[in-house]
Amino acid sequence: MAALRIAVFASGQGTNFQAIADSVREGKLDVTIELLVCDKPSAPVVGRAAKSGVDAFVFKPKDYPSREAYEEIIIQELRKRQVNLIVLAGYMRILTPVIVDAFFGKMINIHPSLLPSFPGMNGIQQAFEHGVKLTGATVHYVDGGLDSGPIIAQTPVEIMEDDTLESLSQRIHTAEQKLLPSVIGWIAAGKVTLNGRKVSEEK
């Protein structure tokens, strides 16, 4: 079976991109990273992609008349490279149906909470300030809603009495960096099945 061809979308530091790239380099993940898509030319993830030998499509949203306009260009880049899985890893743009519909069931996102709790921006801070005892990381399929797609896998992270927002953030990011490559590996091995809102994983 041919290796899964993935594109990673990211807007910031790129630690989850790095976790995926490291897993590929170490032979733990049988995929090829065909493209990084980034909406911020100065983001550190762009440099990480260059060091990993991964092509990057970097753009400024304000250079386009609409979200749909730049998504059409992104889709062209993805199809040119025969990408069959999009991984959103800290990508901070709202997606439109143009790309969501084109890649439904072939697009996943990592979110720093135990969804459906604390969707949207600042999921870690939301959980911390709400006073919950347990939060974590979630990988889910992307649909048209806000972090509302079918859940593939979750890792719980306990909030300790002496936690600060920074210490909690670090533990959640560590959990993300383990969970995301694992889920990509399951998908690459054909072990994940989506049926409506239910996702099953073959053990």
N, C-alpha and C. Protein backbone atom coordinates (compact mmCIF):
# COMPACT_ATOMS: atom_id res chain seq x y z
N MET A 1 0.84 -1.19 0.00
CA MET A 1 0.00 0.00 0.00
C MET A 1 0.88 1.24 0.00
N ALA A 2 0.58 2.19 -0.85
CA ALA A 2 1.38 3.42 -0.95
C ALA A 2 1.25 4.23 0.34
N ALA A 3 2.33 4.91 0.69
CA ALA A 3 2.32 5.72 1.91
C ALA A 3 1.29 6.84 1.79
N LEU A 4 0.65 7.14 2.91
CA LEU A 4 -0.32 8.23 2.97
C LEU A 4 0.40 9.56 2.70
N ARG A 5 -0.19 10.37 1.86
CA ARG A 5 0.40 11.66 1.51
C ARG A 5 -0.36 12.75 2.26
N ILE A 6 0.32 13.44 3.17
CA ILE A 6 -0.37 14.39 4.02
C ILE A 6 0.11 15.82 3.78
N ALA A 7 -0.76 16.75 4.12
CA ALA A 7 -0.41 18.17 4.19
C ALA A 7 -0.71 18.64 5.59
N VAL A 8 0.20 19.41 6.16
CA VAL A 8 0.01 19.96 7.50
C VAL A 8 -0.28 21.45 7.36
N PHE A 9 -1.36 21.90 8.01
CA PHE A 9 -1.71 23.32 8.05
C PHE A 9 -1.35 23.83 9.44
N ALA A 10 -0.56 24.91 9.52
CA ALA A 10 -0.16 25.46 10.82
C ALA A 10 0.08 26.95 10.68
N SER A 11 -0.04 27.65 11.81
CA SER A 11 0.09 29.11 11.80
C SER A 11 1.15 29.64 12.76
N GLY A 12 1.71 28.78 13.61
CA GLY A 12 2.55 29.30 14.68
C GLY A 12 3.90 28.62 14.83
N GLN A 13 4.15 28.15 16.06
CA GLN A 13 5.46 27.59 16.38
C GLN A 13 5.76 26.30 15.61
N GLY A 14 4.73 25.50 15.40
CA GLY A 14 4.93 24.28 14.62
C GLY A 14 5.44 23.09 15.41
N THR A 15 5.15 23.05 16.71
CA THR A 15 5.63 21.91 17.51
C THR A 15 4.94 20.62 17.11
N ASN A 16 3.66 20.70 16.75
CA ASN A 16 2.98 19.49 16.29
C ASN A 16 3.47 19.07 14.90
N PHE A 17 3.76 20.05 14.04
CA PHE A 17 4.40 19.72 12.76
C PHE A 17 5.71 18.99 13.02
N GLN A 18 6.50 19.50 13.96
CA GLN A 18 7.79 18.88 14.25
C GLN A 18 7.63 17.46 14.76
N ALA A 19 6.62 17.25 15.60
CA ALA A 19 6.37 15.90 16.13
C ALA A 19 6.06 14.92 15.00
N ILE A 20 5.28 15.38 14.02
CA ILE A 20 4.98 14.52 12.87
C ILE A 20 6.23 14.27 12.04
N ALA A 21 6.98 15.34 11.74
CA ALA A 21 8.19 15.21 10.92
C ALA A 21 9.21 14.31 11.60
N ASP A 22 9.35 14.44 12.93
CA ASP A 22 10.29 13.58 13.66
C ASP A 22 9.86 12.12 13.59
N SER A 23 8.57 11.88 13.72
CA SER A 23 8.06 10.50 13.65
C SER A 23 8.31 9.88 12.28
N VAL A 24 8.17 10.69 11.23
CA VAL A 24 8.45 10.21 9.87
C VAL A 24 9.94 9.91 9.74
N ARG A 25 10.78 10.84 10.18
CA ARG A 25 12.23 10.68 10.05
C ARG A 25 12.74 9.45 10.82
N GLU A 26 12.13 9.21 11.98
CA GLU A 26 12.56 8.09 12.82
C GLU A 26 11.96 6.76 12.38
N GLY A 27 11.15 6.77 11.33
CA GLY A 27 10.56 5.54 10.82
C GLY A 27 9.38 5.04 11.62
N LYS A 28 8.84 5.89 12.49
CA LYS A 28 7.70 5.50 13.31
C LYS A 28 6.37 5.74 12.61
N LEU A 29 6.41 6.54 11.54
CA LEU A 29 5.19 6.94 10.85
C LEU A 29 5.40 6.80 9.35
N ASP A 30 4.60 5.92 8.74
CA ASP A 30 4.77 5.63 7.31
C ASP A 30 3.86 6.54 6.48
N VAL A 31 4.25 7.83 6.45
CA VAL A 31 3.55 8.80 5.61
C VAL A 31 4.60 9.70 4.98
N THR A 32 4.19 10.46 3.98
CA THR A 32 5.05 11.50 3.45
C THR A 32 4.36 12.85 3.66
N ILE A 33 5.12 13.82 4.17
CA ILE A 33 4.58 15.17 4.33
C ILE A 33 4.84 15.90 3.02
N GLU A 34 3.78 16.09 2.26
CA GLU A 34 3.91 16.68 0.92
C GLU A 34 3.93 18.20 0.95
N LEU A 35 3.32 18.79 1.98
CA LEU A 35 3.17 20.25 1.96
C LEU A 35 2.86 20.78 3.35
N LEU A 36 3.45 21.94 3.66
CA LEU A 36 3.00 22.76 4.78
C LEU A 36 2.20 23.92 4.20
N VAL A 37 1.04 24.18 4.77
CA VAL A 37 0.24 25.35 4.40
C VAL A 37 0.25 26.28 5.61
N CYS A 38 0.69 27.53 5.39
CA CYS A 38 0.80 28.48 6.49
C CYS A 38 0.34 29.86 6.05
N ASP A 39 -0.46 30.51 6.91
CA ASP A 39 -1.01 31.83 6.59
C ASP A 39 -0.18 32.97 7.18
N LYS A 40 0.95 32.64 7.78
CA LYS A 40 1.81 33.67 8.39
C LYS A 40 3.26 33.46 7.94
N PRO A 41 3.74 34.25 6.99
CA PRO A 41 5.08 34.05 6.43
C PRO A 41 6.20 34.05 7.47
N SER A 42 6.01 34.75 8.60
CA SER A 42 7.06 34.84 9.62
C SER A 42 6.96 33.77 10.70
N ALA A 43 5.99 32.87 10.58
CA ALA A 43 5.78 31.86 11.62
C ALA A 43 6.97 30.89 11.69
N PRO A 44 7.40 30.51 12.88
CA PRO A 44 8.50 29.56 13.03
C PRO A 44 8.29 28.23 12.32
N VAL A 45 7.03 27.81 12.15
CA VAL A 45 6.78 26.53 11.48
C VAL A 45 7.32 26.52 10.05
N VAL A 46 7.40 27.69 9.41
CA VAL A 46 7.93 27.75 8.05
C VAL A 46 9.39 27.32 8.03
N GLY A 47 10.14 27.77 9.02
CA GLY A 47 11.54 27.34 9.13
C GLY A 47 11.67 25.87 9.45
N ARG A 48 10.78 25.35 10.27
CA ARG A 48 10.80 23.92 10.59
C ARG A 48 10.58 23.08 9.32
N ALA A 49 9.64 23.53 8.48
CA ALA A 49 9.37 22.81 7.24
C ALA A 49 10.59 22.82 6.34
N ALA A 50 11.24 23.97 6.23
CA ALA A 50 12.43 24.08 5.38
C ALA A 50 13.52 23.13 5.87
N LYS A 51 13.74 23.06 7.19
CA LYS A 51 14.76 22.17 7.75
C LYS A 51 14.42 20.70 7.53
N SER A 52 13.11 20.43 7.42
CA SER A 52 12.67 19.04 7.21
C SER A 52 12.55 18.69 5.73
N GLY A 53 12.85 19.65 4.86
CA GLY A 53 12.77 19.40 3.42
C GLY A 53 11.35 19.31 2.90
N VAL A 54 10.44 19.99 3.58
CA VAL A 54 9.02 19.94 3.18
C VAL A 54 8.66 21.23 2.44
N ASP A 55 8.04 21.09 1.28
CA ASP A 55 7.56 22.27 0.54
C ASP A 55 6.54 23.04 1.38
N ALA A 56 6.51 24.35 1.19
CA ALA A 56 5.56 25.18 1.92
C ALA A 56 4.79 26.08 0.97
N PHE A 57 3.49 26.15 1.19
CA PHE A 57 2.66 27.15 0.53
C PHE A 57 2.33 28.18 1.60
N VAL A 58 2.98 29.33 1.52
CA VAL A 58 2.83 30.38 2.52
C VAL A 58 2.12 31.56 1.87
N PHE A 59 1.11 32.08 2.54
CA PHE A 59 0.31 33.13 1.93
C PHE A 59 -0.14 34.14 2.99
N LYS A 60 -0.53 35.31 2.54
CA LYS A 60 -1.13 36.33 3.39
C LYS A 60 -2.61 36.44 3.00
N PRO A 61 -3.52 36.11 3.92
CA PRO A 61 -4.94 36.16 3.58
C PRO A 61 -5.40 37.50 3.00
N LYS A 62 -4.80 38.59 3.45
CA LYS A 62 -5.24 39.90 2.97
C LYS A 62 -4.91 40.13 1.49
N ASP A 63 -4.06 39.27 0.92
CA ASP A 63 -3.74 39.39 -0.50
C ASP A 63 -4.82 38.81 -1.41
N TYR A 64 -5.84 38.21 -0.81
CA TYR A 64 -6.91 37.56 -1.57
C TYR A 64 -8.24 38.23 -1.27
N PRO A 65 -9.17 38.22 -2.22
CA PRO A 65 -10.46 38.89 -2.00
C PRO A 65 -11.36 38.19 -0.99
N SER A 66 -11.12 36.91 -0.75
CA SER A 66 -11.99 36.16 0.17
C SER A 66 -11.27 34.91 0.65
N ARG A 67 -11.83 34.30 1.71
CA ARG A 67 -11.30 33.01 2.17
C ARG A 67 -11.43 31.96 1.07
N GLU A 68 -12.56 31.99 0.40
CA GLU A 68 -12.80 31.00 -0.66
C GLU A 68 -11.74 31.10 -1.76
N ALA A 69 -11.30 32.33 -2.05
CA ALA A 69 -10.33 32.53 -3.13
C ALA A 69 -9.00 31.85 -2.81
N TYR A 70 -8.50 32.05 -1.58
CA TYR A 70 -7.21 31.39 -1.29
C TYR A 70 -7.37 29.90 -1.04
N GLU A 71 -8.55 29.48 -0.58
CA GLU A 71 -8.75 28.04 -0.42
C GLU A 71 -8.76 27.32 -1.77
N GLU A 72 -9.28 27.95 -2.79
CA GLU A 72 -9.24 27.34 -4.13
C GLU A 72 -7.80 27.12 -4.57
N ILE A 73 -6.93 28.07 -4.29
CA ILE A 73 -5.51 27.94 -4.64
C ILE A 73 -4.87 26.82 -3.81
N ILE A 74 -5.21 26.77 -2.52
CA ILE A 74 -4.67 25.71 -1.67
C ILE A 74 -5.09 24.34 -2.19
N ILE A 75 -6.36 24.20 -2.57
CA ILE A 75 -6.84 22.92 -3.10
C ILE A 75 -6.05 22.52 -4.35
N GLN A 76 -5.75 23.48 -5.20
CA GLN A 76 -4.93 23.18 -6.38
C GLN A 76 -3.57 22.64 -5.98
N GLU A 77 -2.96 23.26 -4.95
CA GLU A 77 -1.65 22.80 -4.48
C GLU A 77 -1.74 21.39 -3.89
N LEU A 78 -2.81 21.12 -3.16
CA LEU A 78 -3.00 19.80 -2.55
C LEU A 78 -3.19 18.73 -3.62
N ARG A 79 -4.01 19.03 -4.62
CA ARG A 79 -4.29 18.04 -5.66
C ARG A 79 -3.07 17.81 -6.54
N LYS A 80 -2.29 18.86 -6.74
CA LYS A 80 -1.05 18.73 -7.52
C LYS A 80 -0.12 17.70 -6.86
N ARG A 81 -0.18 17.63 -5.53
CA ARG A 81 0.70 16.73 -4.78
C ARG A 81 -0.02 15.45 -4.36
N GLN A 82 -1.24 15.27 -4.82
CA GLN A 82 -2.04 14.06 -4.52
C GLN A 82 -2.17 13.82 -3.01
N VAL A 83 -2.39 14.89 -2.28
CA VAL A 83 -2.58 14.79 -0.83
C VAL A 83 -3.89 14.08 -0.53
N ASN A 84 -3.84 13.11 0.38
CA ASN A 84 -5.09 12.43 0.75
C ASN A 84 -5.43 12.52 2.23
N LEU A 85 -4.68 13.34 2.99
CA LEU A 85 -5.08 13.66 4.36
C LEU A 85 -4.53 15.04 4.71
N ILE A 86 -5.42 15.92 5.19
CA ILE A 86 -5.01 17.22 5.71
C ILE A 86 -4.99 17.13 7.23
N VAL A 87 -3.90 17.63 7.81
CA VAL A 87 -3.75 17.65 9.27
C VAL A 87 -3.68 19.11 9.72
N LEU A 88 -4.71 19.56 10.42
CA LEU A 88 -4.70 20.92 10.98
C LEU A 88 -4.00 20.85 12.33
N ALA A 89 -2.87 21.55 12.42
CA ALA A 89 -2.03 21.47 13.62
C ALA A 89 -1.69 22.89 14.08
N GLY A 90 -2.70 23.54 14.67
CA GLY A 90 -2.50 24.92 15.07
C GLY A 90 -2.69 25.90 13.94
N TYR A 91 -3.63 25.59 13.05
CA TYR A 91 -3.96 26.48 11.94
C TYR A 91 -5.09 27.39 12.40
N MET A 92 -4.85 28.70 12.37
CA MET A 92 -5.75 29.63 13.04
C MET A 92 -6.74 30.34 12.11
N ARG A 93 -6.95 29.79 10.92
CA ARG A 93 -7.94 30.38 10.01
C ARG A 93 -9.24 29.58 10.04
N ILE A 94 -10.35 30.27 9.95
CA ILE A 94 -11.64 29.58 9.81
C ILE A 94 -11.74 29.05 8.38
N LEU A 95 -12.13 27.79 8.26
CA LEU A 95 -12.25 27.15 6.95
C LEU A 95 -13.67 27.32 6.41
N THR A 96 -13.77 27.39 5.09
CA THR A 96 -15.08 27.50 4.45
C THR A 96 -15.47 26.14 3.85
N PRO A 97 -16.72 26.00 3.43
CA PRO A 97 -17.14 24.75 2.79
C PRO A 97 -16.34 24.41 1.53
N VAL A 98 -15.67 25.39 0.93
CA VAL A 98 -14.88 25.11 -0.27
C VAL A 98 -13.88 23.99 0.00
N ILE A 99 -13.13 24.10 1.09
CA ILE A 99 -12.13 23.08 1.38
C ILE A 99 -12.67 21.98 2.29
N VAL A 100 -13.57 22.34 3.20
CA VAL A 100 -14.14 21.33 4.11
C VAL A 100 -14.90 20.26 3.32
N ASP A 101 -15.72 20.69 2.37
CA ASP A 101 -16.49 19.72 1.57
C ASP A 101 -15.59 18.91 0.65
N ALA A 102 -14.55 19.55 0.11
CA ALA A 102 -13.65 18.84 -0.82
C ALA A 102 -12.86 17.75 -0.12
N PHE A 103 -12.60 17.92 1.19
CA PHE A 103 -11.78 16.96 1.92
C PHE A 103 -12.49 16.37 3.13
N PHE A 104 -13.82 16.34 3.10
CA PHE A 104 -14.53 15.79 4.25
C PHE A 104 -14.15 14.32 4.44
N GLY A 105 -13.87 13.96 5.68
CA GLY A 105 -13.42 12.60 5.99
C GLY A 105 -11.94 12.40 5.71
N LYS A 106 -11.29 13.46 5.19
CA LYS A 106 -9.85 13.40 4.90
C LYS A 106 -9.13 14.61 5.51
N MET A 107 -9.74 15.17 6.56
CA MET A 107 -9.16 16.31 7.24
C MET A 107 -9.36 16.15 8.74
N ILE A 108 -8.26 16.22 9.50
CA ILE A 108 -8.34 16.08 10.95
C ILE A 108 -7.73 17.31 11.62
N ASN A 109 -8.12 17.52 12.88
CA ASN A 109 -7.64 18.67 13.65
C ASN A 109 -7.24 18.21 15.04
N ILE A 110 -6.21 18.85 15.59
CA ILE A 110 -5.84 18.63 16.99
C ILE A 110 -6.30 19.84 17.79
N HIS A 111 -7.00 19.57 18.90
CA HIS A 111 -7.52 20.66 19.73
C HIS A 111 -7.13 20.43 21.18
N PRO A 112 -6.71 21.51 21.90
CA PRO A 112 -6.19 21.34 23.26
C PRO A 112 -7.27 21.36 24.35
N SER A 113 -8.26 20.50 24.22
CA SER A 113 -9.22 20.26 25.30
C SER A 113 -9.88 18.92 25.02
N LEU A 114 -10.67 18.48 25.98
CA LEU A 114 -11.47 17.27 25.77
C LEU A 114 -12.82 17.71 25.19
N LEU A 115 -12.87 17.79 23.88
CA LEU A 115 -14.11 18.19 23.21
C LEU A 115 -15.23 17.21 23.56
N PRO A 116 -16.48 17.67 23.62
CA PRO A 116 -16.97 18.97 23.16
C PRO A 116 -16.79 20.12 24.13
N SER A 117 -16.11 19.91 25.26
CA SER A 117 -15.85 21.00 26.19
C SER A 117 -14.77 21.94 25.64
N PHE A 118 -14.97 23.22 25.81
CA PHE A 118 -13.98 24.26 25.50
C PHE A 118 -13.48 24.25 24.06
N PRO A 119 -14.41 24.37 23.11
CA PRO A 119 -14.01 24.50 21.70
C PRO A 119 -13.52 25.92 21.42
N GLY A 120 -13.02 26.12 20.22
CA GLY A 120 -12.63 27.46 19.79
C GLY A 120 -11.28 27.90 20.33
N MET A 121 -11.09 29.20 20.35
CA MET A 121 -9.81 29.77 20.76
C MET A 121 -9.55 29.56 22.26
N ASN A 122 -8.27 29.45 22.60
CA ASN A 122 -7.84 29.44 24.01
C ASN A 122 -8.47 28.31 24.83
N GLY A 123 -8.52 27.12 24.24
CA GLY A 123 -9.12 25.98 24.93
C GLY A 123 -8.46 25.66 26.25
N ILE A 124 -7.15 25.81 26.33
CA ILE A 124 -6.43 25.51 27.57
C ILE A 124 -6.82 26.53 28.65
N GLN A 125 -6.80 27.79 28.28
CA GLN A 125 -7.15 28.84 29.23
C GLN A 125 -8.60 28.72 29.68
N GLN A 126 -9.49 28.38 28.75
CA GLN A 126 -10.90 28.21 29.11
C GLN A 126 -11.05 27.15 30.20
N ALA A 127 -10.39 26.01 30.01
CA ALA A 127 -10.49 24.91 30.99
C ALA A 127 -9.87 25.31 32.32
N PHE A 128 -8.72 25.95 32.25
CA PHE A 128 -8.00 26.36 33.46
C PHE A 128 -8.85 27.32 34.29
N GLU A 129 -9.45 28.32 33.63
CA GLU A 129 -10.23 29.32 34.34
C GLU A 129 -11.58 28.79 34.80
N HIS A 130 -12.09 27.78 34.11
CA HIS A 130 -13.38 27.20 34.48
C HIS A 130 -13.29 26.36 35.76
N GLY A 131 -12.07 25.89 36.05
CA GLY A 131 -11.87 25.11 37.27
C GLY A 131 -12.13 23.63 37.14
N VAL A 132 -12.16 23.11 35.91
CA VAL A 132 -12.36 21.67 35.75
C VAL A 132 -11.12 20.92 36.27
N LYS A 133 -11.30 19.68 36.62
CA LYS A 133 -10.21 18.87 37.15
C LYS A 133 -9.48 18.09 36.05
N LEU A 134 -10.14 17.96 34.90
CA LEU A 134 -9.59 17.14 33.82
C LEU A 134 -9.80 17.85 32.49
N THR A 135 -8.73 17.96 31.72
CA THR A 135 -8.82 18.47 30.35
C THR A 135 -7.95 17.56 29.49
N GLY A 136 -7.43 18.05 28.38
CA GLY A 136 -6.61 17.17 27.58
C GLY A 136 -6.48 17.60 26.14
N ALA A 137 -6.37 16.62 25.26
CA ALA A 137 -6.21 16.87 23.83
C ALA A 137 -7.15 15.96 23.05
N THR A 138 -7.65 16.48 21.94
CA THR A 138 -8.59 15.73 21.10
C THR A 138 -8.16 15.82 19.64
N VAL A 139 -8.21 14.69 18.94
CA VAL A 139 -8.09 14.69 17.48
C VAL A 139 -9.45 14.33 16.91
N HIS A 140 -9.93 15.16 15.99
CA HIS A 140 -11.26 14.92 15.43
C HIS A 140 -11.27 15.22 13.93
N TYR A 141 -12.23 14.64 13.25
CA TYR A 141 -12.47 14.99 11.85
C TYR A 141 -13.05 16.40 11.80
N VAL A 142 -12.79 17.10 10.72
CA VAL A 142 -13.27 18.46 10.56
C VAL A 142 -14.58 18.46 9.78
N ASP A 143 -15.58 19.16 10.34
CA ASP A 143 -16.83 19.37 9.61
C ASP A 143 -17.05 20.88 9.51
N GLY A 144 -18.25 21.31 9.25
CA GLY A 144 -18.50 22.72 9.04
C GLY A 144 -18.62 23.55 10.30
N GLY A 145 -18.59 22.91 11.48
CA GLY A 145 -18.76 23.64 12.73
C GLY A 145 -17.44 23.98 13.40
N LEU A 146 -17.55 24.55 14.59
CA LEU A 146 -16.37 24.95 15.36
C LEU A 146 -15.93 23.80 16.25
N ASP A 147 -14.86 23.11 15.85
CA ASP A 147 -14.33 21.98 16.62
C ASP A 147 -15.43 20.97 16.95
N SER A 148 -16.33 20.75 15.99
CA SER A 148 -17.53 19.96 16.26
C SER A 148 -17.56 18.62 15.52
N GLY A 149 -16.50 18.29 14.79
CA GLY A 149 -16.50 17.07 13.99
C GLY A 149 -16.34 15.81 14.82
N PRO A 150 -16.59 14.65 14.22
CA PRO A 150 -16.50 13.37 14.92
C PRO A 150 -15.13 13.16 15.57
N ILE A 151 -15.16 12.73 16.83
CA ILE A 151 -13.93 12.56 17.61
C ILE A 151 -13.28 11.21 17.31
N ILE A 152 -11.99 11.27 17.02
CA ILE A 152 -11.22 10.05 16.74
C ILE A 152 -10.56 9.53 18.00
N ALA A 153 -9.89 10.42 18.74
CA ALA A 153 -9.16 9.98 19.94
C ALA A 153 -8.95 11.15 20.87
N GLN A 154 -8.82 10.83 22.16
CA GLN A 154 -8.58 11.86 23.17
C GLN A 154 -7.57 11.37 24.20
N THR A 155 -6.78 12.30 24.72
CA THR A 155 -5.85 12.01 25.82
C THR A 155 -6.19 12.93 26.98
N PRO A 156 -6.51 12.38 28.15
CA PRO A 156 -6.82 13.24 29.30
C PRO A 156 -5.56 13.80 29.95
N VAL A 157 -5.66 15.01 30.46
CA VAL A 157 -4.59 15.64 31.23
C VAL A 157 -5.22 16.21 32.49
N GLU A 158 -4.74 15.77 33.64
CA GLU A 158 -5.28 16.25 34.92
C GLU A 158 -4.76 17.65 35.22
N ILE A 159 -5.62 18.48 35.75
CA ILE A 159 -5.22 19.81 36.20
C ILE A 159 -4.86 19.71 37.68
N MET A 160 -3.61 19.99 37.99
CA MET A 160 -3.11 19.87 39.36
C MET A 160 -3.42 21.14 40.16
N GLU A 161 -3.42 20.99 41.50
CA GLU A 161 -3.71 22.12 42.38
C GLU A 161 -2.71 23.27 42.18
N ASP A 162 -1.45 22.92 41.93
CA ASP A 162 -0.41 23.94 41.81
C ASP A 162 -0.12 24.33 40.37
N ASP A 163 -0.96 23.89 39.43
CA ASP A 163 -0.73 24.23 38.03
C ASP A 163 -0.86 25.73 37.79
N THR A 164 -0.01 26.22 36.90
CA THR A 164 -0.22 27.53 36.30
C THR A 164 -0.72 27.29 34.88
N LEU A 165 -1.15 28.35 34.24
CA LEU A 165 -1.57 28.20 32.85
C LEU A 165 -0.41 27.69 32.00
N GLU A 166 0.79 28.16 32.31
CA GLU A 166 1.97 27.75 31.55
C GLU A 166 2.30 26.28 31.76
N SER A 167 2.25 25.81 33.00
CA SER A 167 2.59 24.40 33.25
C SER A 167 1.54 23.47 32.66
N LEU A 168 0.28 23.86 32.75
CA LEU A 168 -0.78 23.05 32.14
C LEU A 168 -0.63 23.03 30.63
N SER A 169 -0.34 24.19 30.04
CA SER A 169 -0.17 24.27 28.59
C SER A 169 0.94 23.33 28.13
N GLN A 170 2.04 23.29 28.86
CA GLN A 170 3.16 22.45 28.46
C GLN A 170 2.76 20.97 28.46
N ARG A 171 2.02 20.53 29.49
CA ARG A 171 1.62 19.13 29.55
C ARG A 171 0.62 18.78 28.45
N ILE A 172 -0.27 19.71 28.15
CA ILE A 172 -1.23 19.45 27.07
C ILE A 172 -0.51 19.40 25.72
N HIS A 173 0.43 20.31 25.51
CA HIS A 173 1.18 20.28 24.24
C HIS A 173 1.97 18.98 24.11
N THR A 174 2.52 18.49 25.20
CA THR A 174 3.23 17.20 25.18
C THR A 174 2.27 16.07 24.80
N ALA A 175 1.07 16.12 25.37
CA ALA A 175 0.06 15.11 25.03
C ALA A 175 -0.32 15.18 23.56
N GLU A 176 -0.48 16.40 23.04
CA GLU A 176 -0.80 16.58 21.63
C GLU A 176 0.27 15.97 20.73
N GLN A 177 1.52 16.21 21.09
CA GLN A 177 2.63 15.77 20.25
C GLN A 177 2.78 14.26 20.21
N LYS A 178 2.18 13.58 21.18
CA LYS A 178 2.14 12.11 21.16
C LYS A 178 0.89 11.60 20.44
N LEU A 179 -0.23 12.26 20.72
CA LEU A 179 -1.50 11.78 20.18
C LEU A 179 -1.61 11.96 18.67
N LEU A 180 -1.22 13.11 18.17
CA LEU A 180 -1.44 13.40 16.75
C LEU A 180 -0.69 12.44 15.82
N PRO A 181 0.61 12.21 16.02
CA PRO A 181 1.28 11.22 15.15
C PRO A 181 0.66 9.82 15.26
N SER A 182 0.21 9.46 16.46
CA SER A 182 -0.42 8.14 16.64
C SER A 182 -1.67 8.01 15.79
N VAL A 183 -2.53 9.04 15.83
CA VAL A 183 -3.77 8.99 15.06
C VAL A 183 -3.46 8.97 13.56
N ILE A 184 -2.50 9.75 13.12
CA ILE A 184 -2.11 9.73 11.70
C ILE A 184 -1.66 8.32 11.31
N GLY A 185 -0.92 7.68 12.19
CA GLY A 185 -0.48 6.32 11.93
C GLY A 185 -1.64 5.34 11.80
N TRP A 186 -2.66 5.49 12.65
CA TRP A 186 -3.84 4.62 12.56
C TRP A 186 -4.54 4.82 11.22
N ILE A 187 -4.67 6.09 10.83
CA ILE A 187 -5.34 6.37 9.55
C ILE A 187 -4.52 5.81 8.39
N ALA A 188 -3.21 5.99 8.45
CA ALA A 188 -2.33 5.49 7.40
C ALA A 188 -2.43 3.97 7.25
N ALA A 189 -2.65 3.31 8.37
CA ALA A 189 -2.75 1.84 8.37
C ALA A 189 -4.16 1.35 8.04
N GLY A 190 -5.08 2.28 7.78
CA GLY A 190 -6.45 1.89 7.43
C GLY A 190 -7.25 1.39 8.61
N LYS A 191 -6.89 1.81 9.82
CA LYS A 191 -7.54 1.29 11.02
C LYS A 191 -8.67 2.16 11.55
N VAL A 192 -8.89 3.32 10.91
CA VAL A 192 -9.91 4.25 11.40
C VAL A 192 -11.10 4.26 10.43
N THR A 193 -12.30 4.08 10.97
CA THR A 193 -13.51 4.07 10.16
C THR A 193 -14.47 5.14 10.68
N LEU A 194 -14.96 5.97 9.77
CA LEU A 194 -15.92 7.02 10.11
C LEU A 194 -17.30 6.60 9.62
N ASN A 195 -18.26 6.58 10.55
CA ASN A 195 -19.63 6.21 10.21
C ASN A 195 -20.57 7.17 10.92
N GLY A 196 -20.99 8.22 10.20
CA GLY A 196 -21.78 9.26 10.84
C GLY A 196 -20.91 10.02 11.82
N ARG A 197 -21.37 10.09 13.08
CA ARG A 197 -20.55 10.74 14.13
C ARG A 197 -19.68 9.73 14.86
N LYS A 198 -19.83 8.46 14.56
CA LYS A 198 -19.08 7.43 15.26
C LYS A 198 -17.79 7.11 14.52
N VAL A 199 -16.71 7.11 15.28
CA VAL A 199 -15.41 6.73 14.72
C VAL A 199 -14.93 5.50 15.45
N SER A 200 -14.58 4.47 14.69
CA SER A 200 -14.04 3.26 15.31
C SER A 200 -12.61 3.04 14.85
N GLU A 201 -11.83 2.49 15.77
CA GLU A 201 -10.42 2.23 15.48
C GLU A 201 -10.13 0.76 15.69
N GLU A 202 -9.63 0.13 14.64
CA GLU A 202 -9.30 -1.29 14.70
C GLU A 202 -8.05 -1.48 15.55
N LYS A 203 -8.15 -2.34 16.54
CA LYS A 203 -7.02 -2.58 17.45
C LYS A 203 -6.04 -3.56 16.83
